[in-house]
Amino acid sequence: MHRPAPAVTELRDILCIKTERTVRNDNTITHERKLYQLQEALAGNKVIVEERVDGTMRIKTGNKRVEFRQIEARPQRKKQPTPLVRKSTAHKPSADRPWRRYPAARHICTTPPLAAP
């Protein structure tokens, strides 16, 4: 009539507070204002943080347990070197080009305008 009592390990899994967290790009999560570094690369995935009755904490993804450690500060991002911006050296045509041989005044029309009839 009654079900047999679950094993002690099952009770620990059942009697705990579970919260879902998203792993950041640097493989860290925050839980209760503390920062934890995951030992596996799970960036962008969801994990379950279990707070047990005895005060211990576990982090799981699916049924797999994830190793972690508490850290004080977020890992520093590696700075990528800024690319060198070269000044544009526009091509300057040489002095012997045909349009440079003649002065600009010769290209202006020197004939007087036609008189109106």
PDB file of N, CA and C in Angstrom:
ATOM      1  N   MET A   1       0.806  -1.177   0.000  1.00  0.00           N
ATOM      2  CA  MET A   1       0.000   0.000   0.000  1.00  0.00           C
ATOM      3  C   MET A   1       0.863   1.260   0.000  1.00  0.00           C
ATOM      4  N   HIS A   2       1.935   1.277   0.764  1.00  0.00           N
ATOM      5  CA  HIS A   2       2.833   2.426   0.785  1.00  0.00           C
ATOM      6  C   HIS A   2       4.030   2.158  -0.107  1.00  0.00           C
ATOM      7  N   ARG A   3       4.566   3.226  -0.587  1.00  0.00           N
ATOM      8  CA  ARG A   3       5.788   3.148  -1.379  1.00  0.00           C
ATOM      9  C   ARG A   3       6.979   3.033  -0.461  1.00  0.00           C
ATOM     10  N   PRO A   4       8.024   2.328  -0.859  1.00  0.00           N
ATOM     11  CA  PRO A   4       9.213   2.281  -0.001  1.00  0.00           C
ATOM     12  C   PRO A   4       9.897   3.654   0.011  1.00  0.00           C
ATOM     13  N   ALA A   5      10.536   3.962   1.113  1.00  0.00           N
ATOM     14  CA  ALA A   5      11.223   5.250   1.266  1.00  0.00           C
ATOM     15  C   ALA A   5      12.370   5.346   0.267  1.00  0.00           C
ATOM     16  N   PRO A   6      12.559   6.518  -0.330  1.00  0.00           N
ATOM     17  CA  PRO A   6      13.665   6.660  -1.277  1.00  0.00           C
ATOM     18  C   PRO A   6      15.006   6.604  -0.564  1.00  0.00           C
ATOM     19  N   ALA A   7      16.039   6.315  -1.299  1.00  0.00           N
ATOM     20  CA  ALA A   7      17.388   6.249  -0.737  1.00  0.00           C
ATOM     21  C   ALA A   7      17.816   7.640  -0.271  1.00  0.00           C
ATOM     22  N   VAL A   8      18.833   7.675   0.578  1.00  0.00           N
ATOM     23  CA  VAL A   8      19.309   8.942   1.139  1.00  0.00           C
ATOM     24  C   VAL A   8      19.788   9.876   0.036  1.00  0.00           C
ATOM     25  N   THR A   9      20.453   9.344  -0.985  1.00  0.00           N
ATOM     26  CA  THR A   9      20.936  10.194  -2.072  1.00  0.00           C
ATOM     27  C   THR A   9      19.784  10.814  -2.854  1.00  0.00           C
ATOM     28  N   GLU A  10      18.710  10.059  -3.019  1.00  0.00           N
ATOM     29  CA  GLU A  10      17.539  10.616  -3.692  1.00  0.00           C
ATOM     30  C   GLU A  10      16.905  11.708  -2.863  1.00  0.00           C
ATOM     31  N   LEU A  11      16.871  11.544  -1.544  1.00  0.00           N
ATOM     32  CA  LEU A  11      16.311  12.583  -0.681  1.00  0.00           C
ATOM     33  C   LEU A  11      17.117  13.885  -0.778  1.00  0.00           C
ATOM     34  N   ARG A  12      18.432  13.766  -0.880  1.00  0.00           N
ATOM     35  CA  ARG A  12      19.273  14.958  -1.011  1.00  0.00           C
ATOM     36  C   ARG A  12      18.985  15.687  -2.321  1.00  0.00           C
ATOM     37  N   ASP A  13      18.714  14.915  -3.370  1.00  0.00           N
ATOM     38  CA  ASP A  13      18.384  15.539  -4.652  1.00  0.00           C
ATOM     39  C   ASP A  13      16.993  16.172  -4.627  1.00  0.00           C
ATOM     40  N   ILE A  14      16.092  15.592  -3.863  1.00  0.00           N
ATOM     41  CA  ILE A  14      14.723  16.092  -3.803  1.00  0.00           C
ATOM     42  C   ILE A  14      14.603  17.279  -2.857  1.00  0.00           C
ATOM     43  N   LEU A  15      15.214  17.167  -1.677  1.00  0.00           N
ATOM     44  CA  LEU A  15      15.086  18.205  -0.652  1.00  0.00           C
ATOM     45  C   LEU A  15      16.188  19.264  -0.782  1.00  0.00           C
ATOM     46  N   CYS A  16      16.157  19.993  -1.868  1.00  0.00           N
ATOM     47  CA  CYS A  16      17.122  21.067  -2.065  1.00  0.00           C
ATOM     48  C   CYS A  16      16.449  22.199  -2.841  1.00  0.00           C
ATOM     49  N   ILE A  17      17.048  23.356  -2.773  1.00  0.00           N
ATOM     50  CA  ILE A  17      16.530  24.510  -3.499  1.00  0.00           C
ATOM     51  C   ILE A  17      17.258  24.559  -4.839  1.00  0.00           C
ATOM     52  N   LYS A  18      16.487  24.519  -5.917  1.00  0.00           N
ATOM     53  CA  LYS A  18      17.072  24.508  -7.257  1.00  0.00           C
ATOM     54  C   LYS A  18      16.755  25.825  -7.960  1.00  0.00           C
ATOM     55  N   THR A  19      17.804  26.441  -8.505  1.00  0.00           N
ATOM     56  CA  THR A  19      17.619  27.660  -9.287  1.00  0.00           C
ATOM     57  C   THR A  19      18.369  27.511 -10.603  1.00  0.00           C
ATOM     58  N   GLU A  20      17.792  28.077 -11.654  1.00  0.00           N
ATOM     59  CA  GLU A  20      18.396  27.979 -12.974  1.00  0.00           C
ATOM     60  C   GLU A  20      19.215  29.234 -13.253  1.00  0.00           C
ATOM     61  N   ARG A  21      20.387  29.054 -13.817  1.00  0.00           N
ATOM     62  CA  ARG A  21      21.286  30.156 -14.163  1.00  0.00           C
ATOM     63  C   ARG A  21      21.779  29.958 -15.591  1.00  0.00           C
ATOM     64  N   THR A  22      22.100  31.058 -16.255  1.00  0.00           N
ATOM     65  CA  THR A  22      22.694  31.014 -17.586  1.00  0.00           C
ATOM     66  C   THR A  22      24.180  31.296 -17.460  1.00  0.00           C
ATOM     67  N   VAL A  23      24.984  30.465 -18.090  1.00  0.00           N
ATOM     68  CA  VAL A  23      26.434  30.612 -18.029  1.00  0.00           C
ATOM     69  C   VAL A  23      26.849  31.740 -18.974  1.00  0.00           C
ATOM     70  N   ARG A  24      27.656  32.653 -18.470  1.00  0.00           N
ATOM     71  CA  ARG A  24      28.122  33.784 -19.273  1.00  0.00           C
ATOM     72  C   ARG A  24      29.251  33.348 -20.193  1.00  0.00           C
ATOM     73  N   ASN A  25      29.658  34.257 -21.085  1.00  0.00           N
ATOM     74  CA  ASN A  25      30.692  33.930 -22.075  1.00  0.00           C
ATOM     75  C   ASN A  25      32.034  33.584 -21.444  1.00  0.00           C
ATOM     76  N   ASP A  26      32.297  34.078 -20.231  1.00  0.00           N
ATOM     77  CA  ASP A  26      33.559  33.763 -19.562  1.00  0.00           C
ATOM     78  C   ASP A  26      33.426  32.560 -18.630  1.00  0.00           C
ATOM     79  N   ASN A  27      32.371  31.756 -18.818  1.00  0.00           N
ATOM     80  CA  ASN A  27      32.088  30.535 -18.042  1.00  0.00           C
ATOM     81  C   ASN A  27      31.924  30.821 -16.559  1.00  0.00           C
ATOM     82  N   THR A  28      31.226  31.897 -16.230  1.00  0.00           N
ATOM     83  CA  THR A  28      30.920  32.222 -14.841  1.00  0.00           C
ATOM     84  C   THR A  28      29.423  32.324 -14.662  1.00  0.00           C
ATOM     85  N   ILE A  29      29.001  32.130 -13.411  1.00  0.00           N
ATOM     86  CA  ILE A  29      27.613  32.375 -13.029  1.00  0.00           C
ATOM     87  C   ILE A  29      27.629  33.132 -11.707  1.00  0.00           C
ATOM     88  N   THR A  30      26.544  33.802 -11.403  1.00  0.00           N
ATOM     89  CA  THR A  30      26.394  34.437 -10.096  1.00  0.00           C
ATOM     90  C   THR A  30      25.235  33.754  -9.381  1.00  0.00           C
ATOM     91  N   HIS A  31      25.423  33.583  -8.089  1.00  0.00           N
ATOM     92  CA  HIS A  31      24.378  32.984  -7.262  1.00  0.00           C
ATOM     93  C   HIS A  31      24.500  33.588  -5.869  1.00  0.00           C
ATOM     94  N   GLU A  32      23.437  34.230  -5.433  1.00  0.00           N
ATOM     95  CA  GLU A  32      23.400  34.905  -4.134  1.00  0.00           C
ATOM     96  C   GLU A  32      24.578  35.856  -3.955  1.00  0.00           C
ATOM     97  N   ARG A  33      24.783  36.695  -4.973  1.00  0.00           N
ATOM     98  CA  ARG A  33      25.818  37.727  -4.977  1.00  0.00           C
ATOM     99  C   ARG A  33      27.240  37.183  -4.896  1.00  0.00           C
ATOM    100  N   LYS A  34      27.420  35.948  -5.230  1.00  0.00           N
ATOM    101  CA  LYS A  34      28.753  35.346  -5.282  1.00  0.00           C
ATOM    102  C   LYS A  34      29.011  34.908  -6.705  1.00  0.00           C
ATOM    103  N   LEU A  35      30.272  34.903  -7.083  1.00  0.00           N
ATOM    104  CA  LEU A  35      30.676  34.596  -8.436  1.00  0.00           C
ATOM    105  C   LEU A  35      31.364  33.235  -8.467  1.00  0.00           C
ATOM    106  N   TYR A  36      30.961  32.394  -9.414  1.00  0.00           N
ATOM    107  CA  TYR A  36      31.512  31.038  -9.523  1.00  0.00           C
ATOM    108  C   TYR A  36      32.043  30.809 -10.935  1.00  0.00           C
ATOM    109  N   GLN A  37      33.242  30.255 -11.005  1.00  0.00           N
ATOM    110  CA  GLN A  37      33.873  29.917 -12.284  1.00  0.00           C
ATOM    111  C   GLN A  37      33.666  28.430 -12.535  1.00  0.00           C
ATOM    112  N   LEU A  38      33.054  28.093 -13.677  1.00  0.00           N
ATOM    113  CA  LEU A  38      32.846  26.694 -14.037  1.00  0.00           C
ATOM    114  C   LEU A  38      34.104  26.158 -14.706  1.00  0.00           C
ATOM    115  N   GLN A  39      34.422  24.903 -14.437  1.00  0.00           N
ATOM    116  CA  GLN A  39      35.631  24.296 -14.982  1.00  0.00           C
ATOM    117  C   GLN A  39      35.429  23.790 -16.408  1.00  0.00           C
ATOM    118  N   GLU A  40      34.189  23.714 -16.869  1.00  0.00           N
ATOM    119  CA  GLU A  40      33.899  23.277 -18.233  1.00  0.00           C
ATOM    120  C   GLU A  40      33.419  24.463 -19.049  1.00  0.00           C
ATOM    121  N   ALA A  41      33.609  24.388 -20.345  1.00  0.00           N
ATOM    122  CA  ALA A  41      33.164  25.449 -21.250  1.00  0.00           C
ATOM    123  C   ALA A  41      31.691  25.236 -21.569  1.00  0.00           C
ATOM    124  N   LEU A  42      30.821  25.980 -20.892  1.00  0.00           N
ATOM    125  CA  LEU A  42      29.377  25.860 -21.084  1.00  0.00           C
ATOM    126  C   LEU A  42      28.738  27.209 -21.393  1.00  0.00           C
ATOM    127  N   ALA A  43      29.484  28.125 -21.979  1.00  0.00           N
ATOM    128  CA  ALA A  43      28.994  29.486 -22.218  1.00  0.00           C
ATOM    129  C   ALA A  43      27.676  29.464 -22.981  1.00  0.00           C
ATOM    130  N   GLY A  44      26.691  30.207 -22.467  1.00  0.00           N
ATOM    131  CA  GLY A  44      25.392  30.316 -23.101  1.00  0.00           C
ATOM    132  C   GLY A  44      24.402  29.238 -22.703  1.00  0.00           C
ATOM    133  N   ASN A  45      24.840  28.187 -22.026  1.00  0.00           N
ATOM    134  CA  ASN A  45      23.946  27.098 -21.625  1.00  0.00           C
ATOM    135  C   ASN A  45      23.297  27.393 -20.279  1.00  0.00           C
ATOM    136  N   LYS A  46      22.241  26.662 -19.989  1.00  0.00           N
ATOM    137  CA  LYS A  46      21.554  26.766 -18.702  1.00  0.00           C
ATOM    138  C   LYS A  46      22.108  25.703 -17.760  1.00  0.00           C
ATOM    139  N   VAL A  47      22.280  26.079 -16.509  1.00  0.00           N
ATOM    140  CA  VAL A  47      22.697  25.129 -15.477  1.00  0.00           C
ATOM    141  C   VAL A  47      21.743  25.261 -14.293  1.00  0.00           C
ATOM    142  N   ILE A  48      21.694  24.223 -13.472  1.00  0.00           N
ATOM    143  CA  ILE A  48      20.867  24.212 -12.273  1.00  0.00           C
ATOM    144  C   ILE A  48      21.786  24.282 -11.063  1.00  0.00           C
ATOM    145  N   VAL A  49      21.551  25.255 -10.193  1.00  0.00           N
ATOM    146  CA  VAL A  49      22.305  25.379  -8.950  1.00  0.00           C
ATOM    147  C   VAL A  49      21.435  24.779  -7.852  1.00  0.00           C
ATOM    148  N   GLU A  50      21.977  23.777  -7.156  1.00  0.00           N
ATOM    149  CA  GLU A  50      21.252  23.103  -6.073  1.00  0.00           C
ATOM    150  C   GLU A  50      21.880  23.481  -4.737  1.00  0.00           C
ATOM    151  N   GLU A  51      21.069  24.053  -3.869  1.00  0.00           N
ATOM    152  CA  GLU A  51      21.505  24.337  -2.496  1.00  0.00           C
ATOM    153  C   GLU A  51      20.945  23.228  -1.619  1.00  0.00           C
ATOM    154  N   ARG A  52      21.817  22.452  -1.036  1.00  0.00           N
ATOM    155  CA  ARG A  52      21.411  21.296  -0.245  1.00  0.00           C
ATOM    156  C   ARG A  52      21.086  21.685   1.189  1.00  0.00           C
ATOM    157  N   VAL A  53      20.410  20.802   1.893  1.00  0.00           N
ATOM    158  CA  VAL A  53      20.027  21.023   3.288  1.00  0.00           C
ATOM    159  C   VAL A  53      21.254  21.125   4.181  1.00  0.00           C
ATOM    160  N   ASP A  54      22.292  20.355   3.864  1.00  0.00           N
ATOM    161  CA  ASP A  54      23.499  20.368   4.696  1.00  0.00           C
ATOM    162  C   ASP A  54      24.411  21.562   4.395  1.00  0.00           C
ATOM    163  N   GLY A  55      24.005  22.473   3.501  1.00  0.00           N
ATOM    164  CA  GLY A  55      24.770  23.679   3.224  1.00  0.00           C
ATOM    165  C   GLY A  55      25.689  23.577   2.024  1.00  0.00           C
ATOM    166  N   THR A  56      25.780  22.406   1.432  1.00  0.00           N
ATOM    167  CA  THR A  56      26.636  22.266   0.259  1.00  0.00           C
ATOM    168  C   THR A  56      25.900  22.759  -0.984  1.00  0.00           C
ATOM    169  N   MET A  57      26.658  22.956  -2.036  1.00  0.00           N
ATOM    170  CA  MET A  57      26.073  23.440  -3.279  1.00  0.00           C
ATOM    171  C   MET A  57      26.601  22.590  -4.430  1.00  0.00           C
ATOM    172  N   ARG A  58      25.734  22.324  -5.405  1.00  0.00           N
ATOM    173  CA  ARG A  58      26.104  21.589  -6.610  1.00  0.00           C
ATOM    174  C   ARG A  58      25.585  22.352  -7.807  1.00  0.00           C
ATOM    175  N   ILE A  59      26.325  22.229  -8.899  1.00  0.00           N
ATOM    176  CA  ILE A  59      25.880  22.800 -10.161  1.00  0.00           C
ATOM    177  C   ILE A  59      25.786  21.659 -11.154  1.00  0.00           C
ATOM    178  N   LYS A  60      24.638  21.581 -11.836  1.00  0.00           N
ATOM    179  CA  LYS A  60      24.402  20.493 -12.780  1.00  0.00           C
ATOM    180  C   LYS A  60      23.926  21.058 -14.114  1.00  0.00           C
ATOM    181  N   THR A  61      24.285  20.345 -15.156  1.00  0.00           N
ATOM    182  CA  THR A  61      23.716  20.598 -16.472  1.00  0.00           C
ATOM    183  C   THR A  61      23.116  19.269 -16.926  1.00  0.00           C
ATOM    184  N   GLY A  62      21.816  19.233 -17.005  1.00  0.00           N
ATOM    185  CA  GLY A  62      21.138  17.952 -17.242  1.00  0.00           C
ATOM    186  C   GLY A  62      21.323  17.074 -16.015  1.00  0.00           C
ATOM    187  N   ASN A  63      21.832  15.870 -16.181  1.00  0.00           N
ATOM    188  CA  ASN A  63      22.139  14.984 -15.055  1.00  0.00           C
ATOM    189  C   ASN A  63      23.625  14.962 -14.742  1.00  0.00           C
ATOM    190  N   LYS A  64      24.391  15.781 -15.424  1.00  0.00           N
ATOM    191  CA  LYS A  64      25.843  15.792 -15.266  1.00  0.00           C
ATOM    192  C   LYS A  64      26.253  16.878 -14.271  1.00  0.00           C
ATOM    193  N   ARG A  65      27.091  16.504 -13.325  1.00  0.00           N
ATOM    194  CA  ARG A  65      27.588  17.441 -12.322  1.00  0.00           C
ATOM    195  C   ARG A  65      28.756  18.247 -12.904  1.00  0.00           C
ATOM    196  N   VAL A  66      28.780  19.550 -12.639  1.00  0.00           N
ATOM    197  CA  VAL A  66      29.811  20.433 -13.173  1.00  0.00           C
ATOM    198  C   VAL A  66      30.703  20.894 -12.026  1.00  0.00           C
ATOM    199  N   GLU A  67      32.009  20.788 -12.213  1.00  0.00           N
ATOM    200  CA  GLU A  67      32.954  21.267 -11.210  1.00  0.00           C
ATOM    201  C   GLU A  67      33.031  22.785 -11.288  1.00  0.00           C
ATOM    202  N   PHE A  68      33.215  23.436 -10.140  1.00  0.00           N
ATOM    203  CA  PHE A  68      33.249  24.893 -10.084  1.00  0.00           C
ATOM    204  C   PHE A  68      34.111  25.320  -8.912  1.00  0.00           C
ATOM    205  N   ARG A  69      34.434  26.619  -8.900  1.00  0.00           N
ATOM    206  CA  ARG A  69      35.130  27.208  -7.753  1.00  0.00           C
ATOM    207  C   ARG A  69      34.645  28.643  -7.614  1.00  0.00           C
ATOM    208  N   GLN A  70      34.625  29.125  -6.388  1.00  0.00           N
ATOM    209  CA  GLN A  70      34.205  30.496  -6.138  1.00  0.00           C
ATOM    210  C   GLN A  70      35.374  31.429  -6.419  1.00  0.00           C
ATOM    211  N   ILE A  71      35.092  32.544  -7.095  1.00  0.00           N
ATOM    212  CA  ILE A  71      36.126  33.526  -7.390  1.00  0.00           C
ATOM    213  C   ILE A  71      35.688  34.883  -6.865  1.00  0.00           C
ATOM    214  N   GLU A  72      36.662  35.758  -6.667  1.00  0.00           N
ATOM    215  CA  GLU A  72      36.375  37.080  -6.097  1.00  0.00           C
ATOM    216  C   GLU A  72      36.011  38.101  -7.156  1.00  0.00           C
ATOM    217  N   ALA A  73      36.657  38.035  -8.325  1.00  0.00           N
ATOM    218  CA  ALA A  73      36.419  39.024  -9.370  1.00  0.00           C
ATOM    219  C   ALA A  73      36.263  38.316 -10.705  1.00  0.00           C
ATOM    220  N   ARG A  74      35.587  38.978 -11.598  1.00  0.00           N
ATOM    221  CA  ARG A  74      35.369  38.438 -12.930  1.00  0.00           C
ATOM    222  C   ARG A  74      36.701  38.366 -13.676  1.00  0.00           C
ATOM    223  N   PRO A  75      36.937  37.324 -14.466  1.00  0.00           N
ATOM    224  CA  PRO A  75      38.188  37.223 -15.229  1.00  0.00           C
ATOM    225  C   PRO A  75      38.327  38.398 -16.196  1.00  0.00           C
ATOM    226  N   GLN A  76      39.541  38.899 -16.331  1.00  0.00           N
ATOM    227  CA  GLN A  76      39.791  40.024 -17.224  1.00  0.00           C
ATOM    228  C   GLN A  76      39.753  39.551 -18.674  1.00  0.00           C
ATOM    229  N   ARG A  77      39.134  40.340 -19.488  1.00  0.00           N
ATOM    230  CA  ARG A  77      39.043  40.035 -20.904  1.00  0.00           C
ATOM    231  C   ARG A  77      40.383  40.345 -21.564  1.00  0.00           C
ATOM    232  N   LYS A  78      40.828  39.485 -22.443  1.00  0.00           N
ATOM    233  CA  LYS A  78      42.074  39.721 -23.155  1.00  0.00           C
ATOM    234  C   LYS A  78      41.842  40.849 -24.146  1.00  0.00           C
ATOM    235  N   LYS A  79      42.686  41.865 -24.043  1.00  0.00           N
ATOM    236  CA  LYS A  79      42.542  42.994 -24.956  1.00  0.00           C
ATOM    237  C   LYS A  79      43.175  42.632 -26.289  1.00  0.00           C
ATOM    238  N   GLN A  80      42.418  42.865 -27.336  1.00  0.00           N
ATOM    239  CA  GLN A  80      42.941  42.605 -28.659  1.00  0.00           C
ATOM    240  C   GLN A  80      43.663  43.857 -29.132  1.00  0.00           C
ATOM    241  N   PRO A  81      44.796  43.678 -29.768  1.00  0.00           N
ATOM    242  CA  PRO A  81      45.525  44.865 -30.214  1.00  0.00           C
ATOM    243  C   PRO A  81      44.712  45.634 -31.242  1.00  0.00           C
ATOM    244  N   THR A  82      44.752  46.945 -31.113  1.00  0.00           N
ATOM    245  CA  THR A  82      44.016  47.775 -32.061  1.00  0.00           C
ATOM    246  C   THR A  82      44.761  47.776 -33.380  1.00  0.00           C
ATOM    247  N   PRO A  83      44.063  47.615 -34.466  1.00  0.00           N
ATOM    248  CA  PRO A  83      44.738  47.586 -35.758  1.00  0.00           C
ATOM    249  C   PRO A  83      45.319  48.960 -36.085  1.00  0.00           C
ATOM    250  N   LEU A  84      46.480  48.944 -36.704  1.00  0.00           N
ATOM    251  CA  LEU A  84      47.108  50.197 -37.100  1.00  0.00           C
ATOM    252  C   LEU A  84      46.342  50.793 -38.273  1.00  0.00           C
ATOM    253  N   VAL A  85      46.009  52.055 -38.140  1.00  0.00           N
ATOM    254  CA  VAL A  85      45.291  52.741 -39.201  1.00  0.00           C
ATOM    255  C   VAL A  85      46.318  53.535 -39.992  1.00  0.00           C
ATOM    256  N   ARG A  86      46.463  53.197 -41.236  1.00  0.00           N
ATOM    257  CA  ARG A  86      47.417  53.896 -42.073  1.00  0.00           C
ATOM    258  C   ARG A  86      46.769  55.141 -42.654  1.00  0.00           C
ATOM    259  N   LYS A  87      47.558  56.188 -42.739  1.00  0.00           N
ATOM    260  CA  LYS A  87      47.050  57.408 -43.346  1.00  0.00           C
ATOM    261  C   LYS A  87      46.905  57.170 -44.840  1.00  0.00           C
ATOM    262  N   SER A  88      45.832  57.689 -45.362  1.00  0.00           N
ATOM    263  CA  SER A  88      45.585  57.520 -46.780  1.00  0.00           C
ATOM    264  C   SER A  88      46.527  58.420 -47.564  1.00  0.00           C
ATOM    265  N   THR A  89      47.313  57.817 -48.394  1.00  0.00           N
ATOM    266  CA  THR A  89      48.191  58.587 -49.270  1.00  0.00           C
ATOM    267  C   THR A  89      47.587  58.482 -50.660  1.00  0.00           C
ATOM    268  N   ALA A  90      46.759  59.438 -50.974  1.00  0.00           N
ATOM    269  CA  ALA A  90      46.071  59.435 -52.260  1.00  0.00           C
ATOM    270  C   ALA A  90      47.098  59.587 -53.377  1.00  0.00           C
ATOM    271  N   HIS A  91      46.844  58.970 -54.471  1.00  0.00           N
ATOM    272  CA  HIS A  91      47.747  59.022 -55.605  1.00  0.00           C
ATOM    273  C   HIS A  91      47.708  60.421 -56.214  1.00  0.00           C
ATOM    274  N   LYS A  92      48.841  61.033 -56.321  1.00  0.00           N
ATOM    275  CA  LYS A  92      48.931  62.350 -56.925  1.00  0.00           C
ATOM    276  C   LYS A  92      49.517  62.168 -58.325  1.00  0.00           C
ATOM    277  N   PRO A  93      48.773  62.563 -59.350  1.00  0.00           N
ATOM    278  CA  PRO A  93      49.281  62.393 -60.714  1.00  0.00           C
ATOM    279  C   PRO A  93      50.567  63.193 -60.922  1.00  0.00           C
ATOM    280  N   SER A  94      51.401  62.660 -61.744  1.00  0.00           N
ATOM    281  CA  SER A  94      52.691  63.315 -61.981  1.00  0.00           C
ATOM    282  C   SER A  94      52.519  64.620 -62.755  1.00  0.00           C
ATOM    283  N   ALA A  95      53.569  65.427 -62.761  1.00  0.00           N
ATOM    284  CA  ALA A  95      53.514  66.754 -63.371  1.00  0.00           C
ATOM    285  C   ALA A  95      53.504  66.695 -64.902  1.00  0.00           C
ATOM    286  N   ASP A  96      53.878  65.596 -65.503  1.00  0.00           N
ATOM    287  CA  ASP A  96      53.930  65.551 -66.961  1.00  0.00           C
ATOM    288  C   ASP A  96      52.630  65.057 -67.603  1.00  0.00           C
ATOM    289  N   ARG A  97      51.557  65.060 -66.892  1.00  0.00           N
ATOM    290  CA  ARG A  97      50.269  64.645 -67.445  1.00  0.00           C
ATOM    291  C   ARG A  97      49.788  65.711 -68.440  1.00  0.00           C
ATOM    292  N   PRO A  98      49.046  65.326 -69.474  1.00  0.00           N
ATOM    293  CA  PRO A  98      48.665  66.286 -70.520  1.00  0.00           C
ATOM    294  C   PRO A  98      47.884  67.497 -70.005  1.00  0.00           C
ATOM    295  N   TRP A  99      46.972  67.318 -69.108  1.00  0.00           N
ATOM    296  CA  TRP A  99      46.185  68.454 -68.637  1.00  0.00           C
ATOM    297  C   TRP A  99      46.996  69.396 -67.761  1.00  0.00           C
ATOM    298  N   ARG A 100      48.169  68.987 -67.342  1.00  0.00           N
ATOM    299  CA  ARG A 100      49.021  69.859 -66.544  1.00  0.00           C
ATOM    300  C   ARG A 100      49.979  70.678 -67.419  1.00  0.00           C
ATOM    301  N   ARG A 101      50.096  70.354 -68.673  1.00  0.00           N
ATOM    302  CA  ARG A 101      51.021  71.064 -69.550  1.00  0.00           C
ATOM    303  C   ARG A 101      50.528  72.467 -69.908  1.00  0.00           C
ATOM    304  N   TYR A 102      49.241  72.628 -69.960  1.00  0.00           N
ATOM    305  CA  TYR A 102      48.669  73.903 -70.409  1.00  0.00           C
ATOM    306  C   TYR A 102      48.115  74.652 -69.216  1.00  0.00           C
ATOM    307  N   PRO A 103      48.261  75.975 -69.214  1.00  0.00           N
ATOM    308  CA  PRO A 103      47.684  76.739 -68.108  1.00  0.00           C
ATOM    309  C   PRO A 103      46.167  76.665 -68.137  1.00  0.00           C
ATOM    310  N   ALA A 104      45.558  76.860 -67.018  1.00  0.00           N
ATOM    311  CA  ALA A 104      44.107  76.766 -66.893  1.00  0.00           C
ATOM    312  C   ALA A 104      43.403  77.854 -67.682  1.00  0.00           C
ATOM    313  N   ALA A 105      44.046  79.003 -67.906  1.00  0.00           N
ATOM    314  CA  ALA A 105      43.404  80.102 -68.613  1.00  0.00           C
ATOM    315  C   ALA A 105      43.154  79.760 -70.077  1.00  0.00           C
ATOM    316  N   ARG A 106      43.898  78.885 -70.660  1.00  0.00           N
ATOM    317  CA  ARG A 106      43.728  78.563 -72.063  1.00  0.00           C
ATOM    318  C   ARG A 106      42.468  77.738 -72.281  1.00  0.00           C
ATOM    319  N   HIS A 107      41.974  77.107 -71.261  1.00  0.00           N
ATOM    320  CA  HIS A 107      40.776  76.265 -71.398  1.00  0.00           C
ATOM    321  C   HIS A 107      39.500  77.076 -71.265  1.00  0.00           C
ATOM    322  N   ILE A 108      39.618  78.316 -70.845  1.00  0.00           N
ATOM    323  CA  ILE A 108      38.426  79.150 -70.685  1.00  0.00           C
ATOM    324  C   ILE A 108      38.084  79.746 -72.053  1.00  0.00           C
ATOM    325  N   CYS A 109      36.847  79.774 -72.397  1.00  0.00           N
ATOM    326  CA  CYS A 109      36.382  80.302 -73.681  1.00  0.00           C
ATOM    327  C   CYS A 109      36.598  81.821 -73.701  1.00  0.00           C
ATOM    328  N   THR A 110      37.273  82.304 -74.714  1.00  0.00           N
ATOM    329  CA  THR A 110      37.596  83.734 -74.788  1.00  0.00           C
ATOM    330  C   THR A 110      36.757  84.476 -75.804  1.00  0.00           C
ATOM    331  N   THR A 111      35.876  83.814 -76.530  1.00  0.00           N
ATOM    332  CA  THR A 111      35.021  84.493 -77.513  1.00  0.00           C
ATOM    333  C   THR A 111      33.903  85.203 -76.789  1.00  0.00           C
ATOM    334  N   PRO A 112      33.505  86.392 -77.255  1.00  0.00           N
ATOM    335  CA  PRO A 112      32.414  87.111 -76.578  1.00  0.00           C
ATOM    336  C   PRO A 112      31.085  86.414 -76.849  1.00  0.00           C
ATOM    337  N   PRO A 113      30.158  86.555 -75.939  1.00  0.00           N
ATOM    338  CA  PRO A 113      28.847  85.930 -76.135  1.00  0.00           C
ATOM    339  C   PRO A 113      28.121  86.574 -77.325  1.00  0.00           C
ATOM    340  N   LEU A 114      27.250  85.809 -77.909  1.00  0.00           N
ATOM    341  CA  LEU A 114      26.484  86.297 -79.068  1.00  0.00           C
ATOM    342  C   LEU A 114      25.505  87.371 -78.609  1.00  0.00           C
ATOM    343  N   ALA A 115      25.365  88.373 -79.450  1.00  0.00           N
ATOM    344  CA  ALA A 115      24.432  89.463 -79.141  1.00  0.00           C
ATOM    345  C   ALA A 115      23.023  89.007 -79.406  1.00  0.00           C
ATOM    346  N   ALA A 116      22.092  89.465 -78.654  1.00  0.00           N
ATOM    347  CA  ALA A 116      20.687  89.090 -78.838  1.00  0.00           C
ATOM    348  C   ALA A 116      20.112  89.872 -80.005  1.00  0.00           C
ATOM    349  N   PRO A 117      19.360  89.275 -80.962  1.00  0.00           N
ATOM    350  CA  PRO A 117      18.808  90.000 -82.127  1.00  0.00           C
ATOM    351  C   PRO A 117      17.653  90.880 -81.793  1.00  0.00           C
TER     352      PRO A 117
END
